[in-house]
Structures are given as structure tokens and as C-alpha cells.
Amino acid sequence: MKRRISLLLVFVLVISAFLTACRGSEETADKTEDTNDKEEEIKEEEKEEEEKEEEEEKEEITLRFSWWGGDARHEATLAAIERYEELNDNISIKAEYSGWDGHQEKITTQLSGGTAPDIMQINWNWLTIFSKDGEGFYDLNNLSSELGLDNFSDEILNFGTVNGKLNGIPISLTGRCLYYNKTTYDKFGVEPPKTWDDFYTVAEKFNEEGYYPFDLDSYSAWILAIVYMEQQTGKQFIDDEGNLVFTEEDIKGGLQLYKDFMDNGVIPGAKERAGEGGDIPLHELPNWIEGKYAGVFEWTSSVGKYAQPLEEKDQELILGELPMLPDAKSKGWVVKPSMLFAINKDTEHPEAAADVLNFLLNDPEGAKLLGTTRGVPISKSGLKALEEEGLEGLEYEGTKLVLDNMGLGFGPYFEHTRLKDIYQETIDKLGFGELDVDAAAKFMYESVAEALEEILEE
């Protein structure tokens, strides 16, 4: 009996110990869980505090951004800026925009006075004026990741490179294309020219009723002459370093093409053109709007202003083929950046400025907001974003065509104001019979060589 009572007491004690241990484990587990919960809460609070401090510590940045253009470009850029500021609330962008007239003079004053904006839209030839040694603008190679430079080929970036330094990112490329009034060509039952000889064949039919298959202003006439002679010689007119590569004989060949076009009715003569209004842009001339001048050699980025007045008269402008000589030594077609974005070399916020440009050029949202107000984007991701939305039209078609047929082209010195004046003066004197082809070639060769020497020494 005593033994049973003893065993029972032992059993009770064991059970009590076991239950006590379980309660202790549960309490320990509860305490551990409570501790872990409190630690998590503390960590979460610390994280929120850190994020709040980081937000408070974000530097408030103001960037100045200048560009020129028309109302459509202004409105699109302002919309893109507003969106960027919404996404980056510590960055404010001060927009400084205007039309083209006087813009270069304003930037010249700002650069020389050290008051230039952080971000600038620049012309290609400005590199030869403001940054001959590559030191005029910020070297964008140092901001490769911030700018998303992998969206641009080396060939494209070379347009903005001076002395190994990337001074500007091409926004878009533009090339000279031949565009024709299909309505007029249909009227005469002929196809637009496909070869250089076709121009003369078409002219014979057009001239019978006072029409011309084509028109050229002085500057366009010389660019077309360069295309023709580059195909013939395989040489550039002026290279990237500002050297005159064409010989006097090469220049003569180009000027002869212009004279042949006039003499054979491919284009209206200089005197006839002047009588209609030599200073009036072609797209505003009655003869263009009525379809009597049925073709133009124009930058892809500018074709819209030629198509619009025709559309209002139920006429259609179409893209033509690029004529090639049978034994062409180069394709010869001209391509250049429409414009570039550059960053001020003295900016206090280069990374922020680069981030803004990355949004405008490469971010699908930024690219869509800008659209084609600065031409067809050359950024891979920017272009893809627009193509997915159904990008089409004469400018897009023309840009693709010239990119597939790029020749040696001409360097950035080609468009220097002093040189453009020489081209125009030469063509005008030849067109009005003040100089024959030989004398005109000699005048242009000597004048361009002298001007380039002076420009390079400035």
C-alpha cells in the first residue's frame, strides 16, 4: 500500500514538472516572439526614419534649360519637363526658350560671360565656334551611365565628338531627300526621276506647259552639286577638321550640274526665280502651291512645311528615290544631326543635368512627350517607343532612306555662316550670268580656302 502511494506521488510530481516545463517553454516562446516583434517594429521605425532623413537631405536643385523652336516644340518640351519634375520633386527646371532669330547670339553672350544654362540645345556647327578643342562643353563621356549612351552608336556619337570629347548628343538626324508632287507627275503621266539623266527627260514634258520637275535655292543647289561630285570622285568637299578636299576641278563639275539643270529646264532659271520672289521660301511660292514647281531637295526635318500647302490644295507630296551614278565611288547622300543636347562645362550639377537628358531622349515616357518635335529620335529606346505607337510619314520615311545611303557627307565646318555666304554668292553669280562655270569654280575654290584658313585661326 505504501509502495503504491509512493509511486502515485512520484507520478504526480513528474506530471507537475512536465506541465511546469511546458508552461515555461510556452512563456519563453511567447516572450521570444514578443521580443522579435518588438525588434521588427524598431527596425521598421528606424528604416522609416532613415528614409525620411534621406528625403529631407535630398539637395534641392535648379537647372536652367535653353532651346529654340516653334510652338509645338515649346509645348512638348514644357510637358516633358513638368513630368520629369513630378518624378523628381527635388529638381526644378527653369525653361529658357525662344524662336531661332537671335538665339545663337544670346548663347554666344552667355557662354562668353559665364552665364550659360546648365542644359543647352545646340546646332552642330556651334561645335566649331564654341569648342574647337573639345573644351567648350562638358565631356559627356564622363556621364555615360547617367545619360544612357548605350542607346547611341559610336557612329552617331562621333557627330558630337571633338578632340575625343563628347560635347553633344545628337537628338535626331536629318538628311537631304528628293520629294515630288505626285499630283503633278501624274498629270504628265511620268514617274519621278530615278537617275540623274531622268531629270532631263522629265523636263522636256514639263516645260511644254511651263512646269518644272524641280526647284533649287542657292544653298540647296550647292549641296546637290556636292552629292553628285562625291559620287563621281569619292571625296568630301570639306572634311571634319576643316580642310578643303575638293579641287577647283571638282567644284567646277558640281557647278556644271547646276548650270545644266538651268539650261535644260530641270529647274527655273535664276532670273525667272528672282522675278517670282527670290527671297520668298519655296513652300510659300504660288508656283509651288499650284504644283508648277514639282519637286524639292530638302532636309527630312523640314519636309512638313512643303507638304502642308499642297495637302490644302488636294495635292500629294511623296518621297523620291536617290539617283546614283552607275559607277558611283560613294553614295554621296548628306546626313547631319538636326541638333544636339549639350551640358554646360561649368554646371554645378552634371549628374542631374544628365538624368534630365536621359529622360527626354531615352525614357519611353519622355520620348513620347517630345514626339518628333525635334525630328525622328535617334536614341534606340526613344525611337522604339515612337515606332510602337505607329510612327510614320514623309520625315520618318526620308530619314530611314538617307540613313541607309549615307555618303561621306561634310564636316561641321560646312555650315559656317561665312562659307554659306560664299556658296550662295557663287551660285547667284553663275545663275545670273555674271560668271561662267570656270570663273565661278575659281572664285569658290579660292574664297572657301581663304575663309577656312581664317576660321581655323580664330
Protein backbone atom coordinates (compact mmCIF):
# COMPACT_ATOMS: atom_id res chain seq x y z
CA MET A 1 0.00 0.00 0.00
CA LYS A 2 2.75 2.39 0.98
CA ARG A 3 4.57 1.47 -2.21
CA ARG A 4 1.52 2.37 -4.32
CA ILE A 5 1.17 5.71 -2.58
CA SER A 6 4.84 6.42 -3.18
CA LEU A 7 4.57 5.57 -6.85
CA LEU A 8 1.49 7.77 -7.14
CA LEU A 9 3.33 10.68 -5.53
CA VAL A 10 6.25 10.22 -7.91
CA PHE A 11 3.87 10.17 -10.88
CA VAL A 12 2.16 13.34 -9.68
CA LEU A 13 5.48 15.08 -9.23
CA VAL A 14 6.64 14.05 -12.72
CA ILE A 15 3.41 15.27 -14.29
CA SER A 16 3.66 18.54 -12.40
CA ALA A 17 7.25 19.04 -13.52
CA PHE A 18 6.32 18.28 -17.11
CA LEU A 19 3.42 20.72 -17.10
CA THR A 20 5.57 23.38 -15.48
CA ALA A 21 8.23 22.85 -18.16
CA CYS A 22 5.65 23.16 -20.93
CA ARG A 23 4.27 26.34 -19.44
CA GLY A 24 7.80 27.66 -19.18
CA SER A 25 8.51 26.80 -22.81
CA GLU A 26 5.32 28.49 -23.92
CA GLU A 27 6.10 31.56 -21.88
CA THR A 28 9.65 31.61 -23.23
CA ALA A 29 8.34 31.21 -26.78
CA ASP A 30 5.81 33.97 -26.18
CA LYS A 31 8.48 36.21 -24.76
CA THR A 32 10.81 35.42 -27.71
CA GLU A 33 8.04 36.14 -30.17
CA ASP A 34 7.21 39.37 -28.40
CA THR A 35 10.88 40.32 -28.45
CA ASN A 36 11.16 39.55 -32.17
CA ASP A 37 8.04 41.56 -32.90
CA LYS A 38 9.40 44.50 -30.96
CA GLU A 39 12.75 44.23 -32.76
CA GLU A 40 10.95 44.20 -36.13
CA GLU A 41 8.92 47.22 -35.12
CA ILE A 42 12.08 49.04 -34.06
CA LYS A 43 13.83 48.15 -37.31
CA GLU A 44 10.82 49.30 -39.32
CA GLU A 45 10.70 52.54 -37.39
CA GLU A 46 14.45 53.06 -37.88
CA LYS A 47 14.11 52.35 -41.63
CA GLU A 48 11.27 54.82 -41.97
CA GLU A 49 13.28 57.37 -40.05
CA GLU A 50 16.31 56.82 -42.29
CA GLU A 51 14.19 57.18 -45.43
CA LYS A 52 12.65 60.32 -44.01
CA GLU A 53 16.09 61.73 -43.22
CA GLU A 54 17.35 60.81 -46.71
CA GLU A 55 14.34 62.54 -48.24
CA GLU A 56 14.99 65.59 -46.13
CA GLU A 57 18.67 65.51 -47.07
CA LYS A 58 17.96 65.44 -50.86
CA GLU A 59 19.54 68.50 -52.36
CA GLU A 60 17.15 70.96 -53.90
CA ILE A 61 18.47 71.52 -57.44
CA THR A 62 17.50 74.10 -60.03
CA LEU A 63 18.65 73.57 -63.61
CA ARG A 64 18.37 76.05 -66.48
CA PHE A 65 17.47 74.55 -69.86
CA SER A 66 17.53 76.53 -73.12
CA TRP A 67 16.29 75.70 -76.60
CA TRP A 68 14.87 77.33 -79.71
CA GLY A 69 11.94 76.24 -81.84
CA GLY A 70 8.28 76.77 -82.64
CA ASP A 71 5.17 76.47 -80.53
CA ALA A 72 4.83 72.70 -80.97
CA ARG A 73 8.36 72.10 -79.70
CA HIS A 74 7.88 74.52 -76.81
CA GLU A 75 4.63 72.87 -75.67
CA ALA A 76 6.02 69.32 -75.92
CA THR A 77 9.21 70.20 -74.05
CA LEU A 78 7.36 72.01 -71.29
CA ALA A 79 5.09 68.98 -70.85
CA ALA A 80 8.14 66.67 -70.61
CA ILE A 81 9.80 68.99 -68.09
CA GLU A 82 6.65 69.05 -65.96
CA ARG A 83 6.51 65.25 -65.94
CA TYR A 84 10.19 64.97 -65.01
CA GLU A 85 9.68 67.36 -62.10
CA GLU A 86 6.75 65.25 -60.88
CA LEU A 87 9.02 62.20 -60.81
CA ASN A 88 11.92 64.11 -59.23
CA ASP A 89 10.46 66.52 -56.70
CA ASN A 90 13.85 67.87 -55.59
CA ILE A 91 14.72 69.11 -59.10
CA SER A 92 13.28 72.23 -60.68
CA ILE A 93 13.92 73.10 -64.32
CA LYS A 94 13.83 76.68 -65.49
CA ALA A 95 12.87 76.75 -69.17
CA GLU A 96 14.50 79.38 -71.40
CA TYR A 97 13.12 79.13 -74.92
CA SER A 98 12.63 81.31 -77.98
CA GLY A 99 12.45 81.27 -81.76
CA TRP A 100 15.59 80.82 -83.83
CA ASP A 101 16.22 84.50 -84.56
CA GLY A 102 18.78 85.88 -82.12
CA HIS A 103 19.16 82.62 -80.20
CA GLN A 104 22.76 81.94 -81.25
CA GLU A 105 23.76 85.49 -80.38
CA LYS A 106 22.19 85.07 -76.94
CA ILE A 107 24.06 81.81 -76.28
CA THR A 108 27.31 83.39 -77.51
CA THR A 109 26.93 86.17 -74.95
CA GLN A 110 26.07 83.72 -72.17
CA LEU A 111 28.98 81.40 -72.90
CA SER A 112 31.50 84.21 -73.07
CA GLY A 113 30.10 85.75 -69.87
CA GLY A 114 29.91 82.53 -67.89
CA THR A 115 26.11 82.69 -67.56
CA ALA A 116 25.11 79.88 -69.93
CA PRO A 117 22.31 77.44 -68.95
CA ASP A 118 23.07 74.01 -67.49
CA ILE A 119 21.45 72.22 -70.43
CA MET A 120 21.54 73.60 -73.97
CA GLN A 121 20.08 72.62 -77.31
CA ILE A 122 22.86 73.41 -79.78
CA ASN A 123 23.41 73.42 -83.52
CA TRP A 124 26.00 71.04 -84.96
CA ASN A 125 28.20 73.80 -86.37
CA TRP A 126 28.34 75.50 -82.95
CA LEU A 127 30.99 72.94 -82.03
CA THR A 128 33.33 74.63 -84.49
CA ILE A 129 32.56 78.01 -82.96
CA PHE A 130 32.42 77.35 -79.22
CA SER A 131 34.50 74.18 -78.81
CA LYS A 132 37.25 73.81 -81.39
CA ASP A 133 39.44 71.93 -78.90
CA GLY A 134 36.60 69.99 -77.30
CA GLU A 135 36.77 72.03 -74.10
CA GLY A 136 33.77 74.27 -74.74
CA PHE A 137 31.16 71.93 -73.27
CA TYR A 138 31.06 69.21 -70.61
CA ASP A 139 32.63 65.93 -71.71
CA LEU A 140 29.60 63.65 -71.71
CA ASN A 141 31.78 60.53 -71.81
CA ASN A 142 32.11 61.07 -68.05
CA LEU A 143 28.34 60.71 -67.66
CA SER A 144 27.87 57.61 -69.79
CA SER A 145 25.61 55.65 -67.40
CA GLU A 146 23.55 58.68 -66.34
CA LEU A 147 22.95 59.58 -69.99
CA GLY A 148 22.26 56.05 -71.25
CA LEU A 149 24.84 56.39 -74.02
CA ASP A 150 24.40 52.71 -74.91
CA ASN A 151 21.30 53.89 -76.81
CA PHE A 152 23.55 55.55 -79.41
CA SER A 153 26.02 54.00 -81.84
CA ASP A 154 29.62 55.21 -81.98
CA GLU A 155 28.90 56.49 -85.49
CA ILE A 156 26.14 58.71 -84.13
CA LEU A 157 28.15 59.94 -81.13
CA ASN A 158 31.04 60.83 -83.42
CA PHE A 159 28.92 63.69 -84.75
CA GLY A 160 29.13 65.30 -81.31
CA THR A 161 32.74 64.43 -80.53
CA VAL A 162 35.57 66.97 -80.70
CA ASN A 163 39.15 66.03 -79.91
CA GLY A 164 37.98 62.82 -78.25
CA LYS A 165 35.49 64.61 -76.00
CA LEU A 166 31.74 64.07 -76.39
CA ASN A 167 30.41 67.63 -76.45
CA GLY A 168 26.85 66.88 -77.51
CA ILE A 169 24.37 64.04 -78.05
CA PRO A 170 22.59 64.11 -81.42
CA ILE A 171 18.85 64.30 -80.78
CA SER A 172 17.90 63.31 -84.30
CA LEU A 173 19.49 63.09 -87.72
CA THR A 174 18.30 64.82 -90.83
CA GLY A 175 19.28 64.23 -94.40
CA ARG A 176 18.58 65.81 -97.77
CA CYS A 177 15.95 63.96 -99.77
CA LEU A 178 14.14 64.47 -103.03
CA TYR A 179 10.40 64.98 -102.64
CA TYR A 180 7.97 65.23 -105.56
CA ASN A 181 4.46 66.47 -106.17
CA LYS A 182 2.83 63.20 -107.21
CA THR A 183 -0.29 65.01 -108.41
CA THR A 184 1.72 66.99 -110.96
CA TYR A 185 3.74 63.99 -112.11
CA ASP A 186 0.52 62.03 -112.58
CA LYS A 187 -0.82 64.92 -114.63
CA PHE A 188 2.02 64.44 -117.13
CA GLY A 189 1.93 60.65 -116.91
CA VAL A 190 5.56 60.28 -115.85
CA GLU A 191 7.40 58.77 -112.89
CA PRO A 192 9.64 60.92 -110.67
CA PRO A 193 13.33 60.76 -111.68
CA LYS A 194 15.27 57.69 -110.58
CA THR A 195 18.57 58.51 -112.30
CA TRP A 196 20.42 61.77 -112.95
CA ASP A 197 19.53 61.53 -116.65
CA ASP A 198 15.83 61.15 -115.83
CA PHE A 199 15.70 64.79 -114.73
CA TYR A 200 16.32 65.95 -118.29
CA THR A 201 13.82 63.52 -119.81
CA VAL A 202 11.06 64.61 -117.44
CA ALA A 203 11.89 68.30 -118.00
CA GLU A 204 11.12 68.01 -121.72
CA LYS A 205 7.48 67.13 -120.97
CA PHE A 206 7.04 69.57 -118.13
CA ASN A 207 8.45 72.59 -119.91
CA GLU A 208 5.86 72.38 -122.71
CA GLU A 209 3.26 73.73 -120.27
CA GLY A 210 5.53 75.99 -118.24
CA TYR A 211 6.13 73.46 -115.45
CA TYR A 212 9.42 72.37 -113.88
CA PRO A 213 10.11 68.95 -112.35
CA PHE A 214 12.22 70.51 -109.64
CA ASP A 215 13.35 73.68 -107.88
CA LEU A 216 16.55 74.64 -106.07
CA ASP A 217 17.52 77.62 -103.99
CA SER A 218 21.19 78.65 -104.00
CA TYR A 219 22.20 76.69 -100.90
CA SER A 220 20.31 73.55 -101.90
CA ALA A 221 21.82 73.77 -105.37
CA TRP A 222 25.34 73.57 -103.99
CA ILE A 223 24.51 70.68 -101.63
CA LEU A 224 23.05 68.71 -104.56
CA ALA A 225 26.19 69.52 -106.55
CA ILE A 226 28.31 68.10 -103.73
CA VAL A 227 26.24 64.90 -103.70
CA TYR A 228 26.79 64.50 -107.43
CA MET A 229 30.53 65.13 -107.24
CA GLU A 230 31.04 62.94 -104.19
CA GLN A 231 29.53 60.07 -106.16
CA GLN A 232 31.86 60.95 -109.02
CA THR A 233 35.08 61.42 -107.04
CA GLY A 234 34.63 59.57 -103.75
CA LYS A 235 35.84 62.68 -101.90
CA GLN A 236 34.38 65.00 -99.30
CA PHE A 237 34.00 68.69 -100.05
CA ILE A 238 35.24 69.77 -96.58
CA ASP A 239 36.36 67.22 -94.00
CA ASP A 240 35.73 67.14 -90.25
CA GLU A 241 38.93 69.06 -89.50
CA GLY A 242 38.00 71.93 -91.76
CA ASN A 243 40.21 71.04 -94.74
CA LEU A 244 39.04 71.78 -98.28
CA VAL A 245 39.24 68.40 -100.03
CA PHE A 246 37.61 69.22 -103.39
CA THR A 247 39.90 70.58 -106.06
CA GLU A 248 38.93 73.50 -108.26
CA GLU A 249 38.11 70.95 -110.96
CA ASP A 250 35.79 69.07 -108.60
CA ILE A 251 33.95 72.28 -107.77
CA LYS A 252 33.65 73.02 -111.47
CA GLY A 253 31.94 69.65 -112.01
CA GLY A 254 29.36 70.46 -109.36
CA LEU A 255 28.66 73.92 -110.73
CA GLN A 256 28.30 72.48 -114.21
CA LEU A 257 25.47 70.26 -112.96
CA TYR A 258 23.64 73.34 -111.67
CA LYS A 259 24.08 75.16 -114.99
CA ASP A 260 22.94 72.10 -116.95
CA PHE A 261 19.81 71.89 -114.81
CA MET A 262 19.01 75.53 -115.59
CA ASP A 263 19.83 75.29 -119.30
CA ASN A 264 17.68 72.19 -119.75
CA GLY A 265 14.64 73.33 -117.80
CA VAL A 266 15.04 70.94 -114.88
CA ILE A 267 14.80 73.96 -112.58
CA PRO A 268 13.65 77.53 -113.26
CA GLY A 269 16.46 79.91 -114.18
CA ALA A 270 17.81 82.28 -111.53
CA LYS A 271 16.30 85.33 -113.22
CA GLU A 272 12.88 83.70 -113.50
CA ARG A 273 13.03 82.56 -109.89
CA ALA A 274 14.05 86.05 -108.74
CA GLY A 275 11.19 87.59 -110.65
CA GLU A 276 8.74 85.48 -108.72
CA GLY A 277 10.33 86.46 -105.40
CA GLY A 278 13.88 85.29 -104.88
CA ASP A 279 13.76 85.81 -101.14
CA ILE A 280 10.45 84.05 -100.65
CA PRO A 281 10.77 80.44 -99.40
CA LEU A 282 9.78 77.87 -102.00
CA HIS A 283 6.90 76.44 -99.93
CA GLU A 284 5.26 79.89 -99.94
CA LEU A 285 5.56 80.49 -103.70
CA PRO A 286 2.35 80.29 -105.77
CA ASN A 287 4.13 78.10 -108.32
CA TRP A 288 4.89 75.54 -105.61
CA ILE A 289 1.40 75.62 -104.15
CA GLU A 290 -0.14 75.28 -107.62
CA GLY A 291 2.14 72.37 -108.49
CA LYS A 292 4.12 74.10 -111.27
CA TYR A 293 7.39 73.56 -109.38
CA ALA A 294 7.00 69.85 -108.78
CA GLY A 295 9.99 68.81 -106.70
CA VAL A 296 12.25 69.92 -103.87
CA PHE A 297 15.59 68.86 -102.38
CA GLU A 298 15.08 69.41 -98.66
CA TRP A 299 16.05 68.28 -95.17
CA THR A 300 13.83 65.48 -93.91
CA SER A 301 13.16 67.52 -90.77
CA SER A 302 11.66 70.36 -92.84
CA VAL A 303 9.52 68.48 -95.34
CA GLY A 304 6.30 69.09 -93.43
CA LYS A 305 6.15 72.76 -94.41
CA TYR A 306 6.28 71.76 -98.10
CA ALA A 307 3.62 69.06 -97.80
CA GLN A 308 1.06 71.13 -95.89
CA PRO A 309 0.22 73.77 -98.56
CA LEU A 310 -0.12 71.01 -101.16
CA GLU A 311 -2.47 68.99 -98.98
CA GLU A 312 -4.67 72.05 -98.63
CA LYS A 313 -4.96 72.01 -102.45
CA ASP A 314 -5.64 68.24 -102.57
CA GLN A 315 -2.16 67.51 -103.88
CA GLU A 316 0.21 64.83 -102.60
CA LEU A 317 3.92 65.09 -101.85
CA ILE A 318 5.87 61.82 -101.96
CA LEU A 319 9.42 60.68 -101.21
CA GLY A 320 11.57 60.09 -104.28
CA GLU A 321 14.49 57.78 -104.92
CA LEU A 322 18.11 58.85 -104.57
CA PRO A 323 19.74 58.88 -108.02
CA MET A 324 23.15 57.23 -108.23
CA LEU A 325 25.80 57.33 -110.91
CA PRO A 326 26.35 53.86 -112.44
CA ASP A 327 29.96 53.82 -111.25
CA ALA A 328 29.48 55.89 -108.08
CA LYS A 329 32.51 55.86 -105.76
CA SER A 330 30.34 56.88 -102.81
CA LYS A 331 26.60 57.02 -102.18
CA GLY A 332 27.01 60.71 -101.54
CA TRP A 333 23.79 61.44 -99.63
CA VAL A 334 24.03 64.04 -96.92
CA VAL A 335 23.22 63.32 -93.27
CA LYS A 336 23.83 65.50 -90.22
CA PRO A 337 22.46 65.97 -86.70
CA SER A 338 19.34 68.12 -86.68
CA MET A 339 20.55 69.46 -83.33
CA LEU A 340 22.28 68.22 -80.20
CA PHE A 341 21.90 68.45 -76.43
CA ALA A 342 24.94 69.69 -74.53
CA ILE A 343 25.72 70.33 -70.86
CA ASN A 344 27.48 73.45 -69.62
CA LYS A 345 31.08 72.61 -68.70
CA ASP A 346 30.71 74.79 -65.58
CA THR A 347 27.42 73.32 -64.33
CA GLU A 348 27.30 72.53 -60.61
CA HIS A 349 25.00 69.56 -61.20
CA PRO A 350 26.27 67.48 -64.15
CA GLU A 351 24.68 64.22 -62.96
CA ALA A 352 21.27 65.83 -62.52
CA ALA A 353 21.52 67.50 -65.93
CA ALA A 354 22.45 64.14 -67.47
CA ASP A 355 19.46 62.48 -65.80
CA VAL A 356 17.15 65.07 -67.34
CA LEU A 357 18.55 64.36 -70.81
CA ASN A 358 18.30 60.62 -70.25
CA PHE A 359 14.57 61.07 -69.52
CA LEU A 360 13.99 63.24 -72.58
CA LEU A 361 15.96 61.10 -75.01
CA ASN A 362 15.74 57.51 -73.79
CA ASP A 363 12.85 57.09 -71.38
CA PRO A 364 9.77 55.92 -73.34
CA GLU A 365 7.55 58.37 -71.46
CA GLY A 366 9.87 61.31 -72.13
CA ALA A 367 10.37 60.33 -75.78
CA LYS A 368 6.62 60.10 -76.35
CA LEU A 369 6.04 63.50 -74.78
CA LEU A 370 8.61 65.11 -77.11
CA GLY A 371 7.40 63.13 -80.12
CA THR A 372 9.03 64.32 -83.35
CA THR A 373 9.20 67.99 -82.38
CA ARG A 374 12.98 67.73 -82.72
CA GLY A 375 12.93 65.27 -85.59
CA VAL A 376 12.77 61.47 -85.59
CA PRO A 377 14.63 60.33 -82.44
CA ILE A 378 17.98 58.61 -82.97
CA SER A 379 18.01 57.03 -79.48
CA LYS A 380 17.29 53.30 -79.82
CA SER A 381 14.80 53.20 -76.94
CA GLY A 382 13.30 56.58 -77.83
CA LEU A 383 12.74 55.55 -81.44
CA LYS A 384 11.28 52.19 -80.39
CA ALA A 385 8.76 53.93 -78.15
CA LEU A 386 7.52 56.07 -81.04
CA GLU A 387 7.53 53.21 -83.54
CA GLU A 388 5.34 51.17 -81.20
CA GLU A 389 2.82 54.00 -81.40
CA GLY A 390 2.80 53.84 -85.21
CA LEU A 391 5.45 56.34 -86.29
CA GLU A 392 5.06 57.14 -90.00
CA GLY A 393 5.13 59.98 -92.52
CA LEU A 394 7.46 61.69 -95.00
CA GLU A 395 10.05 62.70 -92.42
CA TYR A 396 10.30 59.19 -90.97
CA GLU A 397 10.47 57.56 -94.41
CA GLY A 398 13.09 60.02 -95.61
CA THR A 399 15.24 59.62 -92.52
CA LYS A 400 15.31 55.84 -92.95
CA LEU A 401 16.22 56.24 -96.62
CA VAL A 402 19.20 58.55 -96.10
CA LEU A 403 20.50 56.52 -93.15
CA ASP A 404 20.66 53.54 -95.48
CA ASN A 405 22.51 55.62 -98.09
CA MET A 406 24.90 57.75 -96.08
CA GLY A 407 27.83 59.07 -98.04
CA LEU A 408 30.96 60.77 -96.83
CA GLY A 409 28.91 63.88 -96.18
CA PHE A 410 30.51 67.07 -94.98
CA GLY A 411 32.02 68.12 -91.69
CA PRO A 412 30.57 70.65 -89.25
CA TYR A 413 32.56 73.49 -90.83
CA PHE A 414 30.47 73.23 -93.99
CA GLU A 415 27.61 75.21 -92.47
CA HIS A 416 29.69 78.08 -91.13
CA THR A 417 27.88 81.32 -91.95
CA ARG A 418 30.85 82.75 -93.83
CA LEU A 419 31.05 79.69 -96.07
CA LYS A 420 27.31 79.60 -96.71
CA ASP A 421 27.55 83.18 -97.95
CA ILE A 422 30.25 82.10 -100.42
CA TYR A 423 28.15 79.21 -101.77
CA GLN A 424 25.18 81.49 -102.30
CA GLU A 425 27.22 84.25 -103.91
CA THR A 426 28.85 81.79 -106.31
CA ILE A 427 25.59 80.13 -107.35
CA ASP A 428 23.88 83.51 -107.79
CA LYS A 429 26.67 84.90 -109.96
CA LEU A 430 26.62 81.78 -112.09
CA GLY A 431 22.83 81.77 -112.30
CA PHE A 432 22.62 85.43 -113.35
CA GLY A 433 25.41 85.03 -115.91
CA GLU A 434 27.91 87.24 -114.07
CA LEU A 435 30.44 84.37 -114.07
CA ASP A 436 30.85 81.36 -116.33
CA VAL A 437 31.47 77.90 -114.85
CA ASP A 438 35.27 78.19 -114.96
CA ALA A 439 35.34 81.59 -113.28
CA ALA A 440 32.72 80.56 -110.71
CA ALA A 441 34.74 77.46 -109.79
CA LYS A 442 37.89 79.52 -109.35
CA PHE A 443 36.03 82.08 -107.23
CA MET A 444 34.50 79.46 -104.94
CA TYR A 445 37.70 77.45 -104.55
CA GLU A 446 39.82 80.45 -103.59
CA SER A 447 37.16 82.04 -101.39
CA VAL A 448 36.40 78.85 -99.45
CA ALA A 449 40.10 78.05 -98.95
CA GLU A 450 40.79 81.54 -97.63
CA ALA A 451 37.73 81.55 -95.36
CA LEU A 452 38.58 78.14 -93.87
CA GLU A 453 42.11 79.28 -93.10
CA GLU A 454 40.77 82.31 -91.25
CA ILE A 455 38.10 80.32 -89.42
CA LEU A 456 40.64 77.76 -88.19
CA GLU A 457 42.91 80.52 -86.91
CA GLU A 458 40.18 82.30 -84.94
